[in-house]
PDB file of N, CA and C in Angstrom:
ATOM      1  N   MET A   1      -9.537 -56.091  21.361  1.00  0.00           N
ATOM      2  CA  MET A   1      -8.962 -55.554  20.144  1.00  0.00           C
ATOM      3  C   MET A   1      -9.047 -56.574  19.001  1.00  0.00           C
ATOM      4  N   ILE A   2      -8.813 -57.833  19.313  1.00  0.00           N
ATOM      5  CA  ILE A   2      -8.877 -58.869  18.282  1.00  0.00           C
ATOM      6  C   ILE A   2     -10.302 -59.032  17.776  1.00  0.00           C
ATOM      7  N   GLU A   3     -11.299 -58.820  18.668  1.00  0.00           N
ATOM      8  CA  GLU A   3     -12.700 -58.922  18.253  1.00  0.00           C
ATOM      9  C   GLU A   3     -13.043 -57.840  17.240  1.00  0.00           C
ATOM     10  N   LEU A   4     -12.526 -56.638  17.462  1.00  0.00           N
ATOM     11  CA  LEU A   4     -12.763 -55.540  16.519  1.00  0.00           C
ATOM     12  C   LEU A   4     -12.139 -55.848  15.166  1.00  0.00           C
ATOM     13  N   PHE A   5     -10.928 -56.362  15.181  1.00  0.00           N
ATOM     14  CA  PHE A   5     -10.267 -56.728  13.934  1.00  0.00           C
ATOM     15  C   PHE A   5     -11.056 -57.800  13.185  1.00  0.00           C
ATOM     16  N   MET A   6     -11.510 -58.816  13.884  1.00  0.00           N
ATOM     17  CA  MET A   6     -12.293 -59.889  13.260  1.00  0.00           C
ATOM     18  C   MET A   6     -13.621 -59.361  12.721  1.00  0.00           C
ATOM     19  N   PHE A   7     -14.258 -58.467  13.478  1.00  0.00           N
ATOM     20  CA  PHE A   7     -15.513 -57.862  13.027  1.00  0.00           C
ATOM     21  C   PHE A   7     -15.301 -57.081  11.737  1.00  0.00           C
ATOM     22  N   LEU A   8     -14.250 -56.267  11.687  1.00  0.00           N
ATOM     23  CA  LEU A   8     -13.962 -55.481  10.488  1.00  0.00           C
ATOM     24  C   LEU A   8     -13.604 -56.378   9.309  1.00  0.00           C
ATOM     25  N   LEU A   9     -12.888 -57.441   9.556  1.00  0.00           N
ATOM     26  CA  LEU A   9     -12.518 -58.378   8.501  1.00  0.00           C
ATOM     27  C   LEU A   9     -13.747 -59.068   7.919  1.00  0.00           C
ATOM     28  N   VAL A  10     -14.630 -59.556   8.764  1.00  0.00           N
ATOM     29  CA  VAL A  10     -15.852 -60.227   8.302  1.00  0.00           C
ATOM     30  C   VAL A  10     -16.770 -59.233   7.598  1.00  0.00           C
ATOM     31  N   THR A  11     -16.904 -58.035   8.144  1.00  0.00           N
ATOM     32  CA  THR A  11     -17.737 -57.008   7.510  1.00  0.00           C
ATOM     33  C   THR A  11     -17.190 -56.636   6.137  1.00  0.00           C
ATOM     34  N   GLY A  12     -15.884 -56.492   6.027  1.00  0.00           N
ATOM     35  CA  GLY A  12     -15.270 -56.194   4.725  1.00  0.00           C
ATOM     36  C   GLY A  12     -15.498 -57.300   3.715  1.00  0.00           C
ATOM     37  N   ALA A  13     -15.424 -58.553   4.160  1.00  0.00           N
ATOM     38  CA  ALA A  13     -15.666 -59.684   3.260  1.00  0.00           C
ATOM     39  C   ALA A  13     -17.120 -59.709   2.791  1.00  0.00           C
ATOM     40  N   ILE A  14     -18.045 -59.403   3.689  1.00  0.00           N
ATOM     41  CA  ILE A  14     -19.463 -59.382   3.313  1.00  0.00           C
ATOM     42  C   ILE A  14     -19.743 -58.258   2.325  1.00  0.00           C
ATOM     43  N   VAL A  15     -19.177 -57.093   2.542  1.00  0.00           N
ATOM     44  CA  VAL A  15     -19.371 -55.966   1.621  1.00  0.00           C
ATOM     45  C   VAL A  15     -18.772 -56.274   0.254  1.00  0.00           C
ATOM     46  N   ALA A  16     -17.592 -56.878   0.222  1.00  0.00           N
ATOM     47  CA  ALA A  16     -16.968 -57.239  -1.057  1.00  0.00           C
ATOM     48  C   ALA A  16     -17.812 -58.259  -1.800  1.00  0.00           C
ATOM     49  N   TRP A  17     -18.316 -59.268  -1.091  1.00  0.00           N
ATOM     50  CA  TRP A  17     -19.178 -60.269  -1.712  1.00  0.00           C
ATOM     51  C   TRP A  17     -20.436 -59.615  -2.264  1.00  0.00           C
ATOM     52  N   TRP A  18     -21.046 -58.713  -1.510  1.00  0.00           N
ATOM     53  CA  TRP A  18     -22.263 -58.026  -1.946  1.00  0.00           C
ATOM     54  C   TRP A  18     -21.993 -57.208  -3.214  1.00  0.00           C
ATOM     55  N   GLN A  19     -20.877 -56.495  -3.255  1.00  0.00           N
ATOM     56  CA  GLN A  19     -20.534 -55.695  -4.427  1.00  0.00           C
ATOM     57  C   GLN A  19     -20.316 -56.582  -5.657  1.00  0.00           C
ATOM     58  N   LEU A  20     -19.672 -57.728  -5.478  1.00  0.00           N
ATOM     59  CA  LEU A  20     -19.455 -58.641  -6.600  1.00  0.00           C
ATOM     60  C   LEU A  20     -20.768 -59.218  -7.109  1.00  0.00           C
ATOM     61  N   MET A  21     -21.705 -59.511  -6.209  1.00  0.00           N
ATOM     62  CA  MET A  21     -23.006 -60.031  -6.635  1.00  0.00           C
ATOM     63  C   MET A  21     -23.811 -58.953  -7.375  1.00  0.00           C
ATOM     64  N   GLN A  22     -23.736 -57.721  -6.917  1.00  0.00           N
ATOM     65  CA  GLN A  22     -24.407 -56.627  -7.620  1.00  0.00           C
ATOM     66  C   GLN A  22     -23.779 -56.422  -8.998  1.00  0.00           C
ATOM     67  N   GLY A  23     -22.470 -56.550  -9.077  1.00  0.00           N
ATOM     68  CA  GLY A  23     -21.782 -56.454 -10.362  1.00  0.00           C
ATOM     69  C   GLY A  23     -22.204 -57.559 -11.311  1.00  0.00           C
ATOM     70  N   ARG A  24     -22.408 -58.755 -10.779  1.00  0.00           N
ATOM     71  CA  ARG A  24     -22.860 -59.878 -11.608  1.00  0.00           C
ATOM     72  C   ARG A  24     -24.240 -59.588 -12.197  1.00  0.00           C
ATOM     73  N   HIS A  25     -25.120 -59.003 -11.404  1.00  0.00           N
ATOM     74  CA  HIS A  25     -26.450 -58.655 -11.909  1.00  0.00           C
ATOM     75  C   HIS A  25     -26.368 -57.571 -12.985  1.00  0.00           C
ATOM     76  N   LYS A  26     -25.498 -56.585 -12.780  1.00  0.00           N
ATOM     77  CA  LYS A  26     -25.308 -55.546 -13.801  1.00  0.00           C
ATOM     78  C   LYS A  26     -24.740 -56.142 -15.086  1.00  0.00           C
ATOM     79  N   ALA A  27     -23.782 -57.045 -14.941  1.00  0.00           N
ATOM     80  CA  ALA A  27     -23.172 -57.681 -16.108  1.00  0.00           C
ATOM     81  C   ALA A  27     -24.200 -58.512 -16.867  1.00  0.00           C
ATOM     82  N   ARG A  28     -25.065 -59.203 -16.151  1.00  0.00           N
ATOM     83  CA  ARG A  28     -26.091 -60.009 -16.809  1.00  0.00           C
ATOM     84  C   ARG A  28     -27.080 -59.140 -17.573  1.00  0.00           C
ATOM     85  N   ARG A  29     -27.510 -58.045 -16.962  1.00  0.00           N
ATOM     86  CA  ARG A  29     -28.429 -57.133 -17.660  1.00  0.00           C
ATOM     87  C   ARG A  29     -27.774 -56.521 -18.891  1.00  0.00           C
ATOM     88  N   ALA A  30     -26.509 -56.126 -18.761  1.00  0.00           N
ATOM     89  CA  ALA A  30     -25.799 -55.539 -19.892  1.00  0.00           C
ATOM     90  C   ALA A  30     -25.604 -56.551 -21.017  1.00  0.00           C
ATOM     91  N   ALA A  31     -25.219 -57.773 -20.672  1.00  0.00           N
ATOM     92  CA  ALA A  31     -25.032 -58.811 -21.684  1.00  0.00           C
ATOM     93  C   ALA A  31     -26.357 -59.130 -22.368  1.00  0.00           C
ATOM     94  N   ASP A  32     -27.428 -59.178 -21.603  1.00  0.00           N
ATOM     95  CA  ASP A  32     -28.750 -59.434 -22.168  1.00  0.00           C
ATOM     96  C   ASP A  32     -29.157 -58.321 -23.120  1.00  0.00           C
ATOM     97  N   LEU A  33     -28.892 -57.075 -22.758  1.00  0.00           N
ATOM     98  CA  LEU A  33     -29.228 -55.935 -23.610  1.00  0.00           C
ATOM     99  C   LEU A  33     -28.448 -55.957 -24.920  1.00  0.00           C
ATOM    100  N   VAL A  34     -27.145 -56.187 -24.843  1.00  0.00           N
ATOM    101  CA  VAL A  34     -26.315 -56.213 -26.051  1.00  0.00           C
ATOM    102  C   VAL A  34     -26.697 -57.390 -26.942  1.00  0.00           C
ATOM    103  N   CYS A  35     -26.931 -58.551 -26.348  1.00  0.00           N
ATOM    104  CA  CYS A  35     -27.339 -59.717 -27.138  1.00  0.00           C
ATOM    105  C   CYS A  35     -28.685 -59.460 -27.815  1.00  0.00           C
ATOM    106  N   ALA A  36     -29.620 -58.858 -27.105  1.00  0.00           N
ATOM    107  CA  ALA A  36     -30.928 -58.567 -27.696  1.00  0.00           C
ATOM    108  C   ALA A  36     -30.809 -57.562 -28.844  1.00  0.00           C
ATOM    109  N   ASN A  37     -29.925 -56.587 -28.708  1.00  0.00           N
ATOM    110  CA  ASN A  37     -29.731 -55.582 -29.762  1.00  0.00           C
ATOM    111  C   ASN A  37     -29.147 -56.176 -31.037  1.00  0.00           C
ATOM    112  N   HIS A  38     -28.450 -57.291 -30.933  1.00  0.00           N
ATOM    113  CA  HIS A  38     -27.791 -57.902 -32.089  1.00  0.00           C
ATOM    114  C   HIS A  38     -28.407 -59.248 -32.466  1.00  0.00           C
ATOM    115  N   ASP A  39     -29.623 -59.494 -32.017  1.00  0.00           N
ATOM    116  CA  ASP A  39     -30.365 -60.730 -32.319  1.00  0.00           C
ATOM    117  C   ASP A  39     -29.591 -61.984 -31.930  1.00  0.00           C
ATOM    118  N   LEU A  40     -29.035 -61.955 -30.734  1.00  0.00           N
ATOM    119  CA  LEU A  40     -28.321 -63.098 -30.178  1.00  0.00           C
ATOM    120  C   LEU A  40     -29.053 -63.551 -28.931  1.00  0.00           C
ATOM    121  N   GLN A  41     -28.810 -64.785 -28.522  1.00  0.00           N
ATOM    122  CA  GLN A  41     -29.484 -65.330 -27.350  1.00  0.00           C
ATOM    123  C   GLN A  41     -28.474 -65.536 -26.232  1.00  0.00           C
ATOM    124  N   LEU A  42     -28.660 -64.813 -25.129  1.00  0.00           N
ATOM    125  CA  LEU A  42     -27.826 -65.015 -23.952  1.00  0.00           C
ATOM    126  C   LEU A  42     -28.242 -66.316 -23.288  1.00  0.00           C
ATOM    127  N   LEU A  43     -27.286 -67.195 -23.068  1.00  0.00           N
ATOM    128  CA  LEU A  43     -27.601 -68.474 -22.435  1.00  0.00           C
ATOM    129  C   LEU A  43     -27.759 -68.265 -20.933  1.00  0.00           C
ATOM    130  N   ASP A  44     -28.827 -68.809 -20.379  1.00  0.00           N
ATOM    131  CA  ASP A  44     -29.184 -68.574 -18.982  1.00  0.00           C
ATOM    132  C   ASP A  44     -28.107 -69.056 -18.027  1.00  0.00           C
ATOM    133  N   ASP A  45     -27.926 -68.285 -16.980  1.00  0.00           N
ATOM    134  CA  ASP A  45     -27.032 -68.618 -15.872  1.00  0.00           C
ATOM    135  C   ASP A  45     -25.609 -68.926 -16.302  1.00  0.00           C
ATOM    136  N   THR A  46     -25.126 -68.250 -17.337  1.00  0.00           N
ATOM    137  CA  THR A  46     -23.737 -68.447 -17.740  1.00  0.00           C
ATOM    138  C   THR A  46     -22.850 -67.282 -17.321  1.00  0.00           C
ATOM    139  N   VAL A  47     -23.409 -66.246 -16.724  1.00  0.00           N
ATOM    140  CA  VAL A  47     -22.612 -65.098 -16.292  1.00  0.00           C
ATOM    141  C   VAL A  47     -21.914 -65.465 -14.984  1.00  0.00           C
ATOM    142  N   SER A  48     -20.584 -65.398 -15.013  1.00  0.00           N
ATOM    143  CA  SER A  48     -19.813 -65.747 -13.826  1.00  0.00           C
ATOM    144  C   SER A  48     -18.567 -64.877 -13.742  1.00  0.00           C
ATOM    145  N   LEU A  49     -18.055 -64.725 -12.538  1.00  0.00           N
ATOM    146  CA  LEU A  49     -16.863 -63.927 -12.311  1.00  0.00           C
ATOM    147  C   LEU A  49     -15.678 -64.564 -13.015  1.00  0.00           C
ATOM    148  N   SER A  50     -14.998 -63.767 -13.826  1.00  0.00           N
ATOM    149  CA  SER A  50     -13.858 -64.273 -14.583  1.00  0.00           C
ATOM    150  C   SER A  50     -12.533 -63.814 -13.969  1.00  0.00           C
ATOM    151  N   SER A  51     -12.435 -62.513 -13.668  1.00  0.00           N
ATOM    152  CA  SER A  51     -11.195 -62.002 -13.070  1.00  0.00           C
ATOM    153  C   SER A  51     -11.424 -60.639 -12.438  1.00  0.00           C
ATOM    154  N   ILE A  52     -10.532 -60.304 -11.520  1.00  0.00           N
ATOM    155  CA  ILE A  52     -10.487 -58.976 -10.907  1.00  0.00           C
ATOM    156  C   ILE A  52      -9.062 -58.475 -11.102  1.00  0.00           C
ATOM    157  N   THR A  53      -8.932 -57.319 -11.755  1.00  0.00           N
ATOM    158  CA  THR A  53      -7.599 -56.788 -12.039  1.00  0.00           C
ATOM    159  C   THR A  53      -7.516 -55.313 -11.662  1.00  0.00           C
ATOM    160  N   TRP A  54      -6.301 -54.840 -11.576  1.00  0.00           N
ATOM    161  CA  TRP A  54      -6.012 -53.436 -11.337  1.00  0.00           C
ATOM    162  C   TRP A  54      -5.641 -52.843 -12.689  1.00  0.00           C
ATOM    163  N   ASN A  55      -6.376 -51.831 -13.131  1.00  0.00           N
ATOM    164  CA  ASN A  55      -6.196 -51.271 -14.468  1.00  0.00           C
ATOM    165  C   ASN A  55      -5.776 -49.815 -14.364  1.00  0.00           C
ATOM    166  N   ARG A  56      -4.769 -49.445 -15.137  1.00  0.00           N
ATOM    167  CA  ARG A  56      -4.342 -48.047 -15.192  1.00  0.00           C
ATOM    168  C   ARG A  56      -4.675 -47.494 -16.562  1.00  0.00           C
ATOM    169  N   SER A  57      -5.237 -46.294 -16.567  1.00  0.00           N
ATOM    170  CA  SER A  57      -5.578 -45.631 -17.826  1.00  0.00           C
ATOM    171  C   SER A  57      -5.281 -44.150 -17.683  1.00  0.00           C
ATOM    172  N   SER A  58      -5.641 -43.376 -18.699  1.00  0.00           N
ATOM    173  CA  SER A  58      -5.377 -41.941 -18.658  1.00  0.00           C
ATOM    174  C   SER A  58      -6.181 -41.249 -17.555  1.00  0.00           C
ATOM    175  N   GLU A  59      -7.317 -41.853 -17.154  1.00  0.00           N
ATOM    176  CA  GLU A  59      -8.130 -41.280 -16.078  1.00  0.00           C
ATOM    177  C   GLU A  59      -7.583 -41.623 -14.698  1.00  0.00           C
ATOM    178  N   GLY A  60      -6.693 -42.581 -14.628  1.00  0.00           N
ATOM    179  CA  GLY A  60      -6.140 -43.007 -13.347  1.00  0.00           C
ATOM    180  C   GLY A  60      -6.289 -44.503 -13.162  1.00  0.00           C
ATOM    181  N   ALA A  61      -5.921 -44.967 -11.987  1.00  0.00           N
ATOM    182  CA  ALA A  61      -6.000 -46.394 -11.679  1.00  0.00           C
ATOM    183  C   ALA A  61      -7.395 -46.734 -11.178  1.00  0.00           C
ATOM    184  N   ARG A  62      -7.836 -47.956 -11.500  1.00  0.00           N
ATOM    185  CA  ARG A  62      -9.151 -48.401 -11.048  1.00  0.00           C
ATOM    186  C   ARG A  62      -9.185 -49.921 -11.008  1.00  0.00           C
ATOM    187  N   ILE A  63     -10.197 -50.428 -10.341  1.00  0.00           N
ATOM    188  CA  ILE A  63     -10.415 -51.874 -10.274  1.00  0.00           C
ATOM    189  C   ILE A  63     -11.297 -52.265 -11.444  1.00  0.00           C
ATOM    190  N   LEU A  64     -10.914 -53.315 -12.152  1.00  0.00           N
ATOM    191  CA  LEU A  64     -11.664 -53.813 -13.295  1.00  0.00           C
ATOM    192  C   LEU A  64     -12.109 -55.245 -12.985  1.00  0.00           C
ATOM    193  N   VAL A  65     -13.430 -55.465 -12.996  1.00  0.00           N
ATOM    194  CA  VAL A  65     -14.000 -56.780 -12.701  1.00  0.00           C
ATOM    195  C   VAL A  65     -14.598 -57.320 -13.989  1.00  0.00           C
ATOM    196  N   ASN A  66     -14.140 -58.502 -14.414  1.00  0.00           N
ATOM    197  CA  ASN A  66     -14.599 -59.127 -15.657  1.00  0.00           C
ATOM    198  C   ASN A  66     -15.513 -60.307 -15.347  1.00  0.00           C
ATOM    199  N   TYR A  67     -16.663 -60.312 -16.022  1.00  0.00           N
ATOM    200  CA  TYR A  67     -17.620 -61.407 -15.907  1.00  0.00           C
ATOM    201  C   TYR A  67     -17.742 -62.058 -17.290  1.00  0.00           C
ATOM    202  N   GLY A  68     -17.520 -63.357 -17.356  1.00  0.00           N
ATOM    203  CA  GLY A  68     -17.653 -64.080 -18.611  1.00  0.00           C
ATOM    204  C   GLY A  68     -19.064 -64.626 -18.769  1.00  0.00           C
ATOM    205  N   PHE A  69     -19.491 -64.787 -20.011  1.00  0.00           N
ATOM    206  CA  PHE A  69     -20.805 -65.352 -20.286  1.00  0.00           C
ATOM    207  C   PHE A  69     -20.779 -66.031 -21.645  1.00  0.00           C
ATOM    208  N   GLU A  70     -21.828 -66.783 -21.937  1.00  0.00           N
ATOM    209  CA  GLU A  70     -21.961 -67.460 -23.232  1.00  0.00           C
ATOM    210  C   GLU A  70     -23.261 -67.030 -23.885  1.00  0.00           C
ATOM    211  N   PHE A  71     -23.228 -66.988 -25.205  1.00  0.00           N
ATOM    212  CA  PHE A  71     -24.422 -66.659 -25.969  1.00  0.00           C
ATOM    213  C   PHE A  71     -24.442 -67.537 -27.209  1.00  0.00           C
ATOM    214  N   ALA A  72     -25.608 -67.606 -27.837  1.00  0.00           N
ATOM    215  CA  ALA A  72     -25.756 -68.424 -29.035  1.00  0.00           C
ATOM    216  C   ALA A  72     -26.124 -67.528 -30.205  1.00  0.00           C
ATOM    217  N   THR A  73     -25.508 -67.810 -31.346  1.00  0.00           N
ATOM    218  CA  THR A  73     -25.799 -67.013 -32.537  1.00  0.00           C
ATOM    219  C   THR A  73     -26.987 -67.570 -33.304  1.00  0.00           C
ATOM    220  N   ASN A  74     -27.102 -68.890 -33.369  1.00  0.00           N
ATOM    221  CA  ASN A  74     -28.193 -69.503 -34.131  1.00  0.00           C
ATOM    222  C   ASN A  74     -28.925 -70.576 -33.333  1.00  0.00           C
ATOM    223  N   GLY A  75     -28.736 -70.592 -32.051  1.00  0.00           N
ATOM    224  CA  GLY A  75     -29.376 -71.595 -31.213  1.00  0.00           C
ATOM    225  C   GLY A  75     -28.486 -72.781 -30.913  1.00  0.00           C
ATOM    226  N   ALA A  76     -27.494 -73.027 -31.750  1.00  0.00           N
ATOM    227  CA  ALA A  76     -26.626 -74.185 -31.547  1.00  0.00           C
ATOM    228  C   ALA A  76     -25.161 -73.786 -31.352  1.00  0.00           C
ATOM    229  N   MET A  77     -24.712 -72.749 -32.025  1.00  0.00           N
ATOM    230  CA  MET A  77     -23.314 -72.322 -31.973  1.00  0.00           C
ATOM    231  C   MET A  77     -23.076 -71.436 -30.750  1.00  0.00           C
ATOM    232  N   ARG A  78     -22.332 -71.972 -29.773  1.00  0.00           N
ATOM    233  CA  ARG A  78     -22.032 -71.215 -28.557  1.00  0.00           C
ATOM    234  C   ARG A  78     -20.809 -70.343 -28.776  1.00  0.00           C
ATOM    235  N   ARG A  79     -20.898 -69.106 -28.299  1.00  0.00           N
ATOM    236  CA  ARG A  79     -19.787 -68.157 -28.360  1.00  0.00           C
ATOM    237  C   ARG A  79     -19.598 -67.568 -26.957  1.00  0.00           C
ATOM    238  N   THR A  80     -18.492 -66.904 -26.745  1.00  0.00           N
ATOM    239  CA  THR A  80     -18.210 -66.321 -25.435  1.00  0.00           C
ATOM    240  C   THR A  80     -18.211 -64.801 -25.505  1.00  0.00           C
ATOM    241  N   GLY A  81     -18.418 -64.219 -24.349  1.00  0.00           N
ATOM    242  CA  GLY A  81     -18.374 -62.769 -24.218  1.00  0.00           C
ATOM    243  C   GLY A  81     -17.861 -62.394 -22.841  1.00  0.00           C
ATOM    244  N   ILE A  82     -17.507 -61.122 -22.700  1.00  0.00           N
ATOM    245  CA  ILE A  82     -17.013 -60.603 -21.426  1.00  0.00           C
ATOM    246  C   ILE A  82     -17.696 -59.279 -21.154  1.00  0.00           C
ATOM    247  N   ALA A  83     -18.195 -59.117 -19.942  1.00  0.00           N
ATOM    248  CA  ALA A  83     -18.707 -57.833 -19.473  1.00  0.00           C
ATOM    249  C   ALA A  83     -17.708 -57.312 -18.451  1.00  0.00           C
ATOM    250  N   SER A  84     -17.119 -56.156 -18.730  1.00  0.00           N
ATOM    251  CA  SER A  84     -16.089 -55.584 -17.861  1.00  0.00           C
ATOM    252  C   SER A  84     -16.652 -54.386 -17.122  1.00  0.00           C
ATOM    253  N   LEU A  85     -16.666 -54.461 -15.810  1.00  0.00           N
ATOM    254  CA  LEU A  85     -17.121 -53.359 -14.974  1.00  0.00           C
ATOM    255  C   LEU A  85     -15.903 -52.701 -14.363  1.00  0.00           C
ATOM    256  N   GLY A  86     -15.756 -51.420 -14.642  1.00  0.00           N
ATOM    257  CA  GLY A  86     -14.674 -50.644 -14.048  1.00  0.00           C
ATOM    258  C   GLY A  86     -15.252 -49.720 -12.995  1.00  0.00           C
ATOM    259  N   PHE A  87     -14.682 -49.761 -11.813  1.00  0.00           N
ATOM    260  CA  PHE A  87     -15.180 -48.902 -10.747  1.00  0.00           C
ATOM    261  C   PHE A  87     -14.365 -47.626 -10.754  1.00  0.00           C
ATOM    262  N   PRO A  88     -14.965 -46.452 -10.676  1.00  0.00           N
ATOM    263  CA  PRO A  88     -16.297 -46.234 -10.164  1.00  0.00           C
ATOM    264  C   PRO A  88     -17.420 -46.389 -11.186  1.00  0.00           C
ATOM    265  N   ARG A  89     -17.200 -46.143 -12.498  1.00  0.00           N
ATOM    266  CA  ARG A  89     -18.357 -46.222 -13.392  1.00  0.00           C
ATOM    267  C   ARG A  89     -17.917 -46.412 -14.839  1.00  0.00           C
ATOM    268  N   SER A  90     -17.877 -47.640 -15.276  1.00  0.00           N
ATOM    269  CA  SER A  90     -17.739 -47.956 -16.695  1.00  0.00           C
ATOM    270  C   SER A  90     -18.203 -49.390 -16.900  1.00  0.00           C
ATOM    271  N   LEU A  91     -18.772 -49.643 -18.064  1.00  0.00           N
ATOM    272  CA  LEU A  91     -19.273 -50.976 -18.381  1.00  0.00           C
ATOM    273  C   LEU A  91     -19.071 -51.211 -19.866  1.00  0.00           C
ATOM    274  N   VAL A  92     -18.268 -52.208 -20.193  1.00  0.00           N
ATOM    275  CA  VAL A  92     -17.954 -52.541 -21.582  1.00  0.00           C
ATOM    276  C   VAL A  92     -18.283 -54.016 -21.791  1.00  0.00           C
ATOM    277  N   VAL A  93     -19.033 -54.308 -22.859  1.00  0.00           N
ATOM    278  CA  VAL A  93     -19.381 -55.683 -23.210  1.00  0.00           C
ATOM    279  C   VAL A  93     -18.661 -56.041 -24.498  1.00  0.00           C
ATOM    280  N   THR A  94     -17.941 -57.156 -24.487  1.00  0.00           N
ATOM    281  CA  THR A  94     -17.204 -57.630 -25.652  1.00  0.00           C
ATOM    282  C   THR A  94     -17.766 -58.985 -26.057  1.00  0.00           C
ATOM    283  N   LEU A  95     -18.183 -59.103 -27.311  1.00  0.00           N
ATOM    284  CA  LEU A  95     -18.699 -60.362 -27.845  1.00  0.00           C
ATOM    285  C   LEU A  95     -17.721 -60.905 -28.865  1.00  0.00           C
ATOM    286  N   ASP A  96     -17.374 -62.179 -28.760  1.00  0.00           N
ATOM    287  CA  ASP A  96     -16.514 -62.838 -29.741  1.00  0.00           C
ATOM    288  C   ASP A  96     -17.399 -63.491 -30.798  1.00  0.00           C
ATOM    289  N   LEU A  97     -17.567 -62.811 -31.907  1.00  0.00           N
ATOM    290  CA  LEU A  97     -18.373 -63.322 -33.012  1.00  0.00           C
ATOM    291  C   LEU A  97     -17.474 -63.964 -34.056  1.00  0.00           C
ATOM    292  N   ALA A  98     -18.066 -64.693 -34.977  1.00  0.00           N
ATOM    293  CA  ALA A  98     -17.292 -65.321 -36.053  1.00  0.00           C
ATOM    294  C   ALA A  98     -16.639 -64.268 -36.941  1.00  0.00           C
ATOM    295  N   GLU A  99     -17.288 -63.118 -37.090  1.00  0.00           N
ATOM    296  CA  GLU A  99     -16.759 -62.036 -37.936  1.00  0.00           C
ATOM    297  C   GLU A  99     -15.682 -61.226 -37.244  1.00  0.00           C
ATOM    298  N   GLY A 100     -15.545 -61.381 -35.934  1.00  0.00           N
ATOM    299  CA  GLY A 100     -14.578 -60.617 -35.167  1.00  0.00           C
ATOM    300  C   GLY A 100     -15.207 -60.177 -33.862  1.00  0.00           C
ATOM    301  N   ARG A 101     -14.469 -59.352 -33.132  1.00  0.00           N
ATOM    302  CA  ARG A 101     -14.964 -58.875 -31.842  1.00  0.00           C
ATOM    303  C   ARG A 101     -15.893 -57.696 -31.996  1.00  0.00           C
ATOM    304  N   LEU A 102     -16.958 -57.711 -31.198  1.00  0.00           N
ATOM    305  CA  LEU A 102     -17.893 -56.597 -31.109  1.00  0.00           C
ATOM    306  C   LEU A 102     -17.745 -56.025 -29.714  1.00  0.00           C
ATOM    307  N   ILE A 103     -17.391 -54.742 -29.622  1.00  0.00           N
ATOM    308  CA  ILE A 103     -17.178 -54.094 -28.335  1.00  0.00           C
ATOM    309  C   ILE A 103     -18.174 -52.953 -28.195  1.00  0.00           C
ATOM    310  N   GLU A 104     -18.956 -52.977 -27.123  1.00  0.00           N
ATOM    311  CA  GLU A 104     -19.927 -51.912 -26.855  1.00  0.00           C
ATOM    312  C   GLU A 104     -19.694 -51.359 -25.471  1.00  0.00           C
ATOM    313  N   SER A 105     -19.596 -50.031 -25.396  1.00  0.00           N
ATOM    314  CA  SER A 105     -19.467 -49.346 -24.123  1.00  0.00           C
ATOM    315  C   SER A 105     -20.831 -48.821 -23.724  1.00  0.00           C
ATOM    316  N   LEU A 106     -21.330 -49.247 -22.571  1.00  0.00           N
ATOM    317  CA  LEU A 106     -22.669 -48.854 -22.152  1.00  0.00           C
ATOM    318  C   LEU A 106     -22.662 -47.642 -21.241  1.00  0.00           C
ATOM    319  N   TYR A 107     -21.564 -47.379 -20.559  1.00  0.00           N
ATOM    320  CA  TYR A 107     -21.411 -46.156 -19.746  1.00  0.00           C
ATOM    321  C   TYR A 107     -20.265 -45.364 -20.317  1.00  0.00           C
ATOM    322  N   PRO A 108     -20.357 -44.049 -20.258  1.00  0.00           N
ATOM    323  CA  PRO A 108     -19.231 -43.233 -20.767  1.00  0.00           C
ATOM    324  C   PRO A 108     -17.978 -43.385 -19.948  1.00  0.00           C
TER     325      PRO A 108
END
């Protein structure tokens, strides 16, 4: 019985890790797309897991995974952004620009 419990625990950890890595790839593609649309440069390998939260909205409760990243406006000035993935299906990219926040929703 303990072997079954350990197997399920390890399998659950592997599946969770796999889902987070897939989310990181989605966040990187989304950040790259938004940065390209606004003539900004996404800095390589800066997308990383920032937080995992439980979010309640009018549609119901869901898990919200935030990935932080950095981008450059003119090649020298570094700024931060967040790609928020809500499960089952939402993706919002927020860029902190000098003029204010830019928020783009990529999935309805």
